[in-house]
C-alpha cells in the first residue's frame, strides 16, 4: 500500500491484513475488546491468532503509555482511513520488511517522541 497521505483512503482500498490492523487498532484504542475482531484475527492469522491479537493489544497499550500526543483515528465503523492510521500501516510494513530505521521513524511520528 502506497497511497498519498494527503488523499482520502477508504477501508475498501486496503488489503485484508491492512483492514484488520486498522480495525483492531480503532477498537483497542477505544479500550474495547471485540469478539468480532478476535474472530477476524483467527480467520487471518490461523494458529497465530492469539499471539497476533495479544501483540496488537500490547502495541496499542504501549503506544498510549509512551505517546506524547493523541493518535488521530476514526471510530471502528468509519469507512475513511485517517492519516495517522496510514502511518500505522507503514509502521507495520516496515516491521515486516525488517527495516528498523523506517520503523523507528514511523513510530517516532506516532508517539511524537
Protein backbone atom coordinates (compact mmCIF):
# COMPACT_ATOMS: atom_id res chain seq x y z
CA UNK A 1 0.00 0.00 0.00
CA UNK A 2 1.42 3.34 -1.05
CA UNK A 3 -1.43 5.87 -1.04
CA UNK A 4 -0.79 9.60 -0.88
CA UNK A 5 -1.02 10.69 2.76
CA UNK A 6 -2.94 13.79 1.67
CA UNK A 7 -5.68 11.98 -0.25
CA UNK A 8 -8.57 10.20 1.46
CA UNK A 9 -8.31 6.42 1.57
CA UNK A 10 -11.27 4.10 2.03
CA UNK A 11 -11.14 0.87 4.03
CA UNK A 12 -12.20 -0.92 0.84
CA UNK A 13 -8.89 0.16 -0.74
CA UNK A 14 -6.92 -1.83 1.86
CA UNK A 15 -5.87 -5.45 1.82
CA UNK A 16 -7.48 -7.80 4.34
CA UNK A 17 -4.44 -7.57 6.62
CA UNK A 18 -4.32 -3.77 6.46
CA UNK A 19 -8.04 -3.55 7.16
CA UNK A 20 -7.61 -5.88 10.15
CA UNK A 21 -4.78 -3.77 11.57
CA UNK A 22 -6.81 -0.56 11.27
CA UNK A 23 -9.98 -2.16 12.64
CA UNK A 24 -8.16 -3.74 15.58
CA UNK A 25 -6.29 -0.52 16.34
CA UNK A 26 -9.50 1.52 16.34
CA UNK A 27 -11.25 -0.95 18.61
CA UNK A 28 -8.37 -1.38 21.06
CA UNK A 29 -7.61 2.37 21.14
CA UNK A 30 -11.16 2.86 22.42
CA UNK A 31 -10.35 0.46 25.26
CA UNK A 32 -12.56 -2.30 23.93
CA UNK A 33 -12.02 -5.93 23.11
CA UNK A 34 -14.38 -7.19 20.48
CA UNK A 35 -15.28 -10.81 19.77
CA UNK A 36 -15.69 -9.98 16.08
CA UNK A 37 -12.15 -8.56 15.89
CA UNK A 38 -10.83 -11.68 17.65
CA UNK A 39 -12.65 -13.86 15.09
CA UNK A 40 -11.12 -11.80 12.28
CA UNK A 41 -7.67 -12.48 13.77
CA UNK A 42 -8.49 -16.19 13.85
CA UNK A 43 -9.52 -16.03 10.20
CA UNK A 44 -6.50 -14.00 9.14
CA UNK A 45 -3.79 -15.44 11.37
CA UNK A 46 -4.80 -19.07 11.92
CA UNK A 47 -2.77 -20.76 14.64
CA UNK A 48 -1.00 -17.48 15.43
CA UNK A 49 -4.24 -15.57 16.05
CA UNK A 50 -3.94 -15.38 19.83
CA UNK A 51 -0.30 -14.28 19.71
CA UNK A 52 -1.04 -11.70 16.98
CA UNK A 53 -4.04 -10.29 18.83
CA UNK A 54 -2.09 -10.12 22.11
CA UNK A 55 0.80 -8.39 20.33
CA UNK A 56 -1.61 -5.84 18.90
CA UNK A 57 -3.10 -5.22 22.35
CA UNK A 58 0.38 -4.70 23.83
CA UNK A 59 1.38 -2.42 20.95
CA UNK A 60 -1.67 -0.18 21.38
CA UNK A 61 -1.22 -0.12 25.15
CA UNK A 62 2.48 0.76 24.91
CA UNK A 63 1.83 3.43 22.30
CA UNK A 64 -0.69 5.01 24.67
CA UNK A 65 1.88 4.89 27.51
CA UNK A 66 4.88 6.33 25.62
CA UNK A 67 2.99 8.53 23.18
CA UNK A 68 3.01 12.24 23.75
CA UNK A 69 0.07 13.01 21.51
CA UNK A 70 -3.30 11.58 20.61
CA UNK A 71 -3.34 9.34 17.56
CA UNK A 72 -5.87 10.54 15.02
CA UNK A 73 -8.09 7.54 14.36
CA UNK A 74 -11.62 7.10 13.18
CA UNK A 75 -14.32 5.20 15.06
CA UNK A 76 -14.43 1.45 14.29
CA UNK A 77 -17.26 1.70 11.75
CA UNK A 78 -15.94 4.65 9.74
CA UNK A 79 -15.06 3.84 6.11
CA UNK A 80 -12.35 6.54 5.81
CA UNK A 81 -8.79 5.79 6.89
CA UNK A 82 -7.16 8.65 8.80
CA UNK A 83 -3.63 9.92 8.14
CA UNK A 84 -2.21 8.50 11.41
CA UNK A 85 -3.79 5.15 10.55
CA UNK A 86 -1.88 5.18 7.26
CA UNK A 87 1.33 5.87 9.20
CA UNK A 88 0.42 2.94 11.43
CA UNK A 89 0.16 0.71 8.36
CA UNK A 90 3.55 1.96 7.17
CA UNK A 91 4.99 1.14 10.60
CA UNK A 92 3.72 -2.44 10.34
CA UNK A 93 5.06 -2.66 6.79
CA UNK A 94 8.49 -1.54 7.99
CA UNK A 95 8.41 -4.21 10.70
CA UNK A 96 7.52 -6.88 8.15
CA UNK A 97 10.29 -5.64 5.85
CA UNK A 98 12.72 -5.73 8.81
CA UNK A 99 13.59 -2.10 8.26
CA UNK A 100 14.37 -0.74 11.75
CA UNK A 101 15.18 2.79 10.59
CA UNK A 102 11.86 3.18 8.77
CA UNK A 103 10.02 1.53 11.69
CA UNK A 104 11.65 3.94 14.16
CA UNK A 105 10.79 6.95 12.01
CA UNK A 106 7.12 5.99 11.81
CA UNK A 107 6.97 5.12 15.50
CA UNK A 108 8.56 8.45 16.44
CA UNK A 109 5.90 10.21 14.35
CA UNK A 110 3.05 8.34 16.02
CA UNK A 111 4.46 8.67 19.51
CA UNK A 112 5.72 12.24 18.98
CA UNK A 113 8.98 11.22 20.59
